[in-house]
């Protein structure tokens, strides 16, 4: 089993001068406000702002609420409640919702549920094919899905749960680096996961410069040429990858030459108000 799968994940951020629709903008501002309260260690304010964002049904706030309850940030840790918010985020179109649910169900800290982890993983791009893929007819039928899993040996279930955990964590938690976004820098990074070792290697691809809209300082134009801007993509991926490897116990039994590849493409989209 040389390669489990290869997938490309696109991470886009909107330009600062031209904004997306009002709902998306308002949801993002609500999330920023909640995170600001958390950073200031003002949990009462964070919870109040969270309740307001949930009342307004912002998809971004549903996702943040799930993370807060999953990790016990300013609220009592409650995985079941976290799932409820993640599902609401997913149903509202937040692409990271399914990956966060899959990663959480794969985590022993939540009482690993392999079937649930794999079910939600199939709703994310990397797990629609490969060694952990399912027959097409089972993907829309929970009963057939579970029946198919019952035919798998325990070793395959454990290995696929590990893949789901590590890769879903990375896919859900990697964010566009703030400095790169501020300087309108994009780029590509190839991630090679060697689960048999286990190890994650990163290889930088091409970088891109987007138009900087509005007033631009000379220092900003000079900074965007520096290597540290392009390094930000690898730094962000490395941070999340290391956390993912530490989060899940290695199951053993994976051939050392197994390789899983994921390509991350960071880009900027300017959208009219």
Protein backbone atom coordinates (compact mmCIF):
# COMPACT_ATOMS: atom_id res chain seq x y z
CA UNK A 1 0.00 0.00 0.00
CA UNK A 2 2.22 2.77 -1.29
CA UNK A 3 -0.26 5.63 -1.14
CA UNK A 4 -3.63 5.82 0.54
CA UNK A 5 -4.82 8.85 -1.39
CA UNK A 6 -3.84 12.24 -2.72
CA UNK A 7 -6.08 15.24 -2.12
CA UNK A 8 -5.95 18.96 -2.77
CA UNK A 9 -7.40 21.34 -0.20
CA UNK A 10 -8.05 24.97 -1.13
CA UNK A 11 -7.83 27.54 1.62
CA UNK A 12 -9.07 30.96 0.60
CA UNK A 13 -9.36 34.23 2.45
CA UNK A 14 -11.22 37.32 1.31
CA UNK A 15 -9.45 40.59 0.64
CA UNK A 16 -9.71 43.29 3.30
CA UNK A 17 -10.89 46.08 1.04
CA UNK A 18 -13.73 44.26 -0.67
CA UNK A 19 -15.95 42.13 1.50
CA UNK A 20 -18.18 39.16 0.98
CA UNK A 21 -21.88 39.19 1.81
CA UNK A 22 -23.17 40.88 4.94
CA UNK A 23 -23.96 37.61 6.70
CA UNK A 24 -20.45 36.23 6.26
CA UNK A 25 -18.88 39.53 7.30
CA UNK A 26 -21.08 39.81 10.39
CA UNK A 27 -20.36 36.21 11.38
CA UNK A 28 -16.60 36.75 11.04
CA UNK A 29 -16.78 39.90 13.16
CA UNK A 30 -18.77 38.02 15.81
CA UNK A 31 -16.13 35.29 15.90
CA UNK A 32 -13.34 37.87 16.20
CA UNK A 33 -15.15 39.49 19.12
CA UNK A 34 -15.59 36.19 20.95
CA UNK A 35 -11.95 35.26 20.41
CA UNK A 36 -10.92 38.69 21.65
CA UNK A 37 -12.82 38.12 24.89
CA UNK A 38 -11.22 34.69 25.29
CA UNK A 39 -7.75 36.16 24.72
CA UNK A 40 -8.51 38.80 27.37
CA UNK A 41 -9.58 35.97 29.74
CA UNK A 42 -13.04 37.51 30.03
CA UNK A 43 -15.09 34.34 29.84
CA UNK A 44 -18.38 35.94 30.86
CA UNK A 45 -18.12 38.38 27.99
CA UNK A 46 -17.06 35.58 25.63
CA UNK A 47 -20.10 33.49 26.58
CA UNK A 48 -22.44 36.48 26.23
CA UNK A 49 -21.05 37.21 22.78
CA UNK A 50 -21.28 33.53 21.90
CA UNK A 51 -24.97 33.46 22.83
CA UNK A 52 -25.60 36.55 20.70
CA UNK A 53 -23.83 35.01 17.69
CA UNK A 54 -25.77 31.77 18.07
CA UNK A 55 -29.03 33.70 18.31
CA UNK A 56 -28.17 35.32 14.98
CA UNK A 57 -27.47 31.84 13.54
CA UNK A 58 -24.03 32.71 12.18
CA UNK A 59 -22.45 29.52 10.74
CA UNK A 60 -18.98 30.69 11.81
CA UNK A 61 -20.19 31.04 15.40
CA UNK A 62 -21.69 27.54 15.36
CA UNK A 63 -18.22 26.24 14.42
CA UNK A 64 -16.52 28.25 17.17
CA UNK A 65 -19.13 27.11 19.71
CA UNK A 66 -18.32 23.50 18.83
CA UNK A 67 -14.63 24.12 19.38
CA UNK A 68 -15.25 25.86 22.70
CA UNK A 69 -17.35 22.97 24.02
CA UNK A 70 -14.99 20.33 22.62
CA UNK A 71 -11.98 21.90 24.31
CA UNK A 72 -13.64 23.35 27.40
CA UNK A 73 -12.84 26.99 26.57
CA UNK A 74 -14.89 29.31 28.81
CA UNK A 75 -17.57 26.60 29.02
CA UNK A 76 -17.76 23.13 30.54
CA UNK A 77 -16.23 20.55 28.19
CA UNK A 78 -19.07 18.63 26.54
CA UNK A 79 -18.35 16.61 23.40
CA UNK A 80 -21.99 15.76 22.75
CA UNK A 81 -22.91 19.44 22.78
CA UNK A 82 -19.91 20.24 20.61
CA UNK A 83 -21.17 17.78 17.99
CA UNK A 84 -24.55 19.52 17.94
CA UNK A 85 -22.92 22.83 17.10
CA UNK A 86 -20.56 21.27 14.55
CA UNK A 87 -23.53 19.65 12.79
CA UNK A 88 -25.32 23.01 12.71
CA UNK A 89 -22.19 24.58 11.20
CA UNK A 90 -21.94 21.81 8.61
CA UNK A 91 -25.62 22.09 7.69
CA UNK A 92 -25.18 25.86 7.31
CA UNK A 93 -22.35 25.37 4.82
CA UNK A 94 -19.24 25.61 7.01
CA UNK A 95 -16.82 23.29 5.22
CA UNK A 96 -14.78 22.54 8.36
CA UNK A 97 -17.78 21.19 10.26
CA UNK A 98 -17.60 17.61 8.97
CA UNK A 99 -13.83 17.38 9.46
CA UNK A 100 -14.08 18.58 13.05
CA UNK A 101 -16.77 16.01 13.79
CA UNK A 102 -14.70 13.23 12.19
CA UNK A 103 -11.58 14.27 14.11
CA UNK A 104 -13.51 14.40 17.37
CA UNK A 105 -15.15 11.01 16.98
CA UNK A 106 -11.73 9.49 16.17
CA UNK A 107 -10.22 10.95 19.35
CA UNK A 108 -9.93 8.51 22.29
CA UNK A 109 -10.48 11.48 24.62
CA UNK A 110 -14.08 11.55 23.39
CA UNK A 111 -14.50 7.77 23.53
CA UNK A 112 -13.50 6.94 19.95
CA UNK A 113 -16.43 5.97 17.71
CA UNK A 114 -14.85 4.55 14.55
CA UNK A 115 -18.09 4.24 12.61
CA UNK A 116 -19.10 7.84 13.30
CA UNK A 117 -15.58 9.09 12.54
CA UNK A 118 -15.51 7.33 9.17
CA UNK A 119 -19.07 8.37 8.31
CA UNK A 120 -18.27 12.04 8.77
CA UNK A 121 -14.87 11.67 7.12
CA UNK A 122 -16.55 10.52 3.90
CA UNK A 123 -18.17 13.96 3.75
CA UNK A 124 -14.73 15.57 3.39
CA UNK A 125 -12.69 15.50 0.12
CA UNK A 126 -9.75 13.28 1.20
CA UNK A 127 -11.86 10.33 2.30
CA UNK A 128 -14.06 9.86 -0.73
CA UNK A 129 -11.69 7.23 -2.09
CA UNK A 130 -8.66 5.18 -1.15
CA UNK A 131 -8.00 2.34 1.27
CA UNK A 132 -10.50 3.74 3.77
CA UNK A 133 -13.13 4.51 1.15
CA UNK A 134 -16.57 2.93 1.07
CA UNK A 135 -18.73 1.51 -1.75
CA UNK A 136 -20.75 4.27 -3.35
CA UNK A 137 -24.05 2.67 -2.37
CA UNK A 138 -23.08 2.77 1.33
CA UNK A 139 -22.21 6.46 1.43
CA UNK A 140 -25.82 7.63 1.62
CA UNK A 141 -27.20 4.79 3.72
CA UNK A 142 -26.09 4.63 7.39
CA UNK A 143 -27.29 1.03 7.78
CA UNK A 144 -25.33 -0.19 4.74
CA UNK A 145 -22.37 1.86 5.90
CA UNK A 146 -22.30 0.15 9.28
CA UNK A 147 -22.87 -3.26 7.67
CA UNK A 148 -19.84 -2.67 5.44
CA UNK A 149 -17.68 -1.70 8.42
CA UNK A 150 -18.63 -4.94 10.17
CA UNK A 151 -16.85 -6.83 7.38
CA UNK A 152 -13.59 -5.00 8.04
CA UNK A 153 -10.96 -6.59 10.31
CA UNK A 154 -10.20 -4.72 13.52
CA UNK A 155 -6.74 -3.78 12.28
CA UNK A 156 -8.19 -1.96 9.27
CA UNK A 157 -10.70 -0.13 11.46
CA UNK A 158 -7.96 1.02 13.84
CA UNK A 159 -5.69 2.16 11.03
CA UNK A 160 -8.46 4.04 9.24
CA UNK A 161 -9.57 5.67 12.48
CA UNK A 162 -5.97 6.88 12.87
CA UNK A 163 -5.91 8.25 9.33
CA UNK A 164 -9.23 9.98 9.90
CA UNK A 165 -8.08 11.54 13.15
CA UNK A 166 -4.76 12.88 11.92
CA UNK A 167 -5.87 14.06 8.50
CA UNK A 168 -9.22 15.49 9.59
CA UNK A 169 -7.52 17.45 12.36
CA UNK A 170 -5.08 18.92 9.85
CA UNK A 171 -7.76 19.64 7.26
CA UNK A 172 -10.05 21.34 9.77
CA UNK A 173 -7.54 23.35 11.78
CA UNK A 174 -5.09 24.72 9.23
CA UNK A 175 -5.77 28.43 8.78
CA UNK A 176 -4.55 31.11 6.43
CA UNK A 177 -1.56 32.75 8.19
CA UNK A 178 -2.46 36.29 9.28
CA UNK A 179 0.76 37.85 7.99
CA UNK A 180 0.41 36.22 4.59
CA UNK A 181 -3.20 37.39 4.32
CA UNK A 182 -2.30 40.92 5.41
CA UNK A 183 0.41 41.10 2.75
CA UNK A 184 -1.71 39.44 0.04
CA UNK A 185 0.59 36.44 -0.30
CA UNK A 186 -0.58 33.02 -1.47
CA UNK A 187 1.24 29.75 -1.92
CA UNK A 188 1.21 25.98 -2.19
CA UNK A 189 2.53 23.36 0.21
CA UNK A 190 2.63 19.59 -0.28
CA UNK A 191 2.14 17.53 2.86
CA UNK A 192 3.45 13.94 2.88
CA UNK A 193 2.14 11.84 5.76
CA UNK A 194 4.10 8.65 6.47
CA UNK A 195 1.72 6.96 8.94
CA UNK A 196 3.86 3.85 9.39
CA UNK A 197 6.72 5.81 10.96
CA UNK A 198 4.82 8.15 11.80
CA UNK A 199 6.11 11.43 10.32
CA UNK A 200 4.84 14.38 8.34
CA UNK A 201 7.06 16.11 5.78
CA UNK A 202 6.31 19.44 4.12
CA UNK A 203 7.49 20.70 0.75
CA UNK A 204 6.89 24.28 -0.35
CA UNK A 205 5.60 24.87 -3.85
CA UNK A 206 5.12 28.12 -5.72
CA UNK A 207 4.13 31.36 -4.01
CA UNK A 208 1.90 34.11 -5.38
CA UNK A 209 1.44 37.82 -4.85
CA UNK A 210 -2.07 39.24 -5.10
CA UNK A 211 -3.08 42.84 -5.64
CA UNK A 212 -2.95 44.86 -2.45
CA UNK A 213 -6.12 46.98 -2.60
CA UNK A 214 -6.27 50.45 -1.05
CA UNK A 215 -3.47 52.39 0.60
CA UNK A 216 -0.29 50.32 0.85
CA UNK A 217 2.75 51.25 2.92
CA UNK A 218 6.19 50.90 1.31
CA UNK A 219 7.27 48.70 4.22
CA UNK A 220 4.41 46.31 3.48
CA UNK A 221 5.52 45.98 -0.15
CA UNK A 222 9.07 45.28 0.98
CA UNK A 223 7.99 42.79 3.66
CA UNK A 224 5.94 40.72 1.22
CA UNK A 225 9.17 39.91 -0.65
CA UNK A 226 10.82 38.46 2.44
CA UNK A 227 11.20 34.72 2.94
CA UNK A 228 9.39 34.80 6.29
CA UNK A 229 6.12 35.57 4.52
CA UNK A 230 6.30 32.41 2.41
CA UNK A 231 7.53 30.46 5.44
CA UNK A 232 4.24 31.20 7.16
CA UNK A 233 2.37 28.50 5.24
CA UNK A 234 4.82 25.78 6.26
CA UNK A 235 4.90 27.08 9.84
CA UNK A 236 1.10 26.91 10.12
CA UNK A 237 0.94 23.42 8.63
CA UNK A 238 3.76 22.18 10.86
CA UNK A 239 2.02 23.51 13.98
CA UNK A 240 -1.24 21.73 13.22
CA UNK A 241 0.46 18.56 11.93
CA UNK A 242 2.45 18.14 15.15
CA UNK A 243 -0.71 18.55 17.22
CA UNK A 244 -2.50 15.97 15.07
CA UNK A 245 0.28 13.40 15.50
CA UNK A 246 0.26 13.89 19.26
CA UNK A 247 -3.52 13.70 19.52
CA UNK A 248 -3.96 10.11 18.30
CA UNK A 249 -2.18 6.95 19.49
CA UNK A 250 -0.42 5.07 16.72
CA UNK A 251 -2.16 1.74 15.97
CA UNK A 252 0.88 -0.11 14.59
CA UNK A 253 0.78 -2.49 11.65
CA UNK A 254 1.11 0.19 8.96
CA UNK A 255 3.81 -0.53 6.31
CA UNK A 256 6.67 1.93 6.64
CA UNK A 257 6.51 2.87 2.95
CA UNK A 258 2.86 3.98 3.08
CA UNK A 259 2.50 7.57 1.92
CA UNK A 260 -0.50 9.87 2.07
CA UNK A 261 -0.27 13.17 0.22
CA UNK A 262 -2.31 16.33 0.69
CA UNK A 263 -1.76 19.49 -1.33
CA UNK A 264 -2.66 22.79 0.31
CA UNK A 265 -3.26 25.81 -1.89
CA UNK A 266 -3.58 29.16 -0.09
CA UNK A 267 -5.22 31.90 -2.13
CA UNK A 268 -7.02 35.22 -1.80
CA UNK A 269 -10.43 35.98 -3.28
CA UNK A 270 -11.64 39.55 -3.67
CA UNK A 271 -15.42 39.70 -3.65
CA UNK A 272 -17.72 42.65 -4.16
CA UNK A 273 -19.87 43.79 -1.27
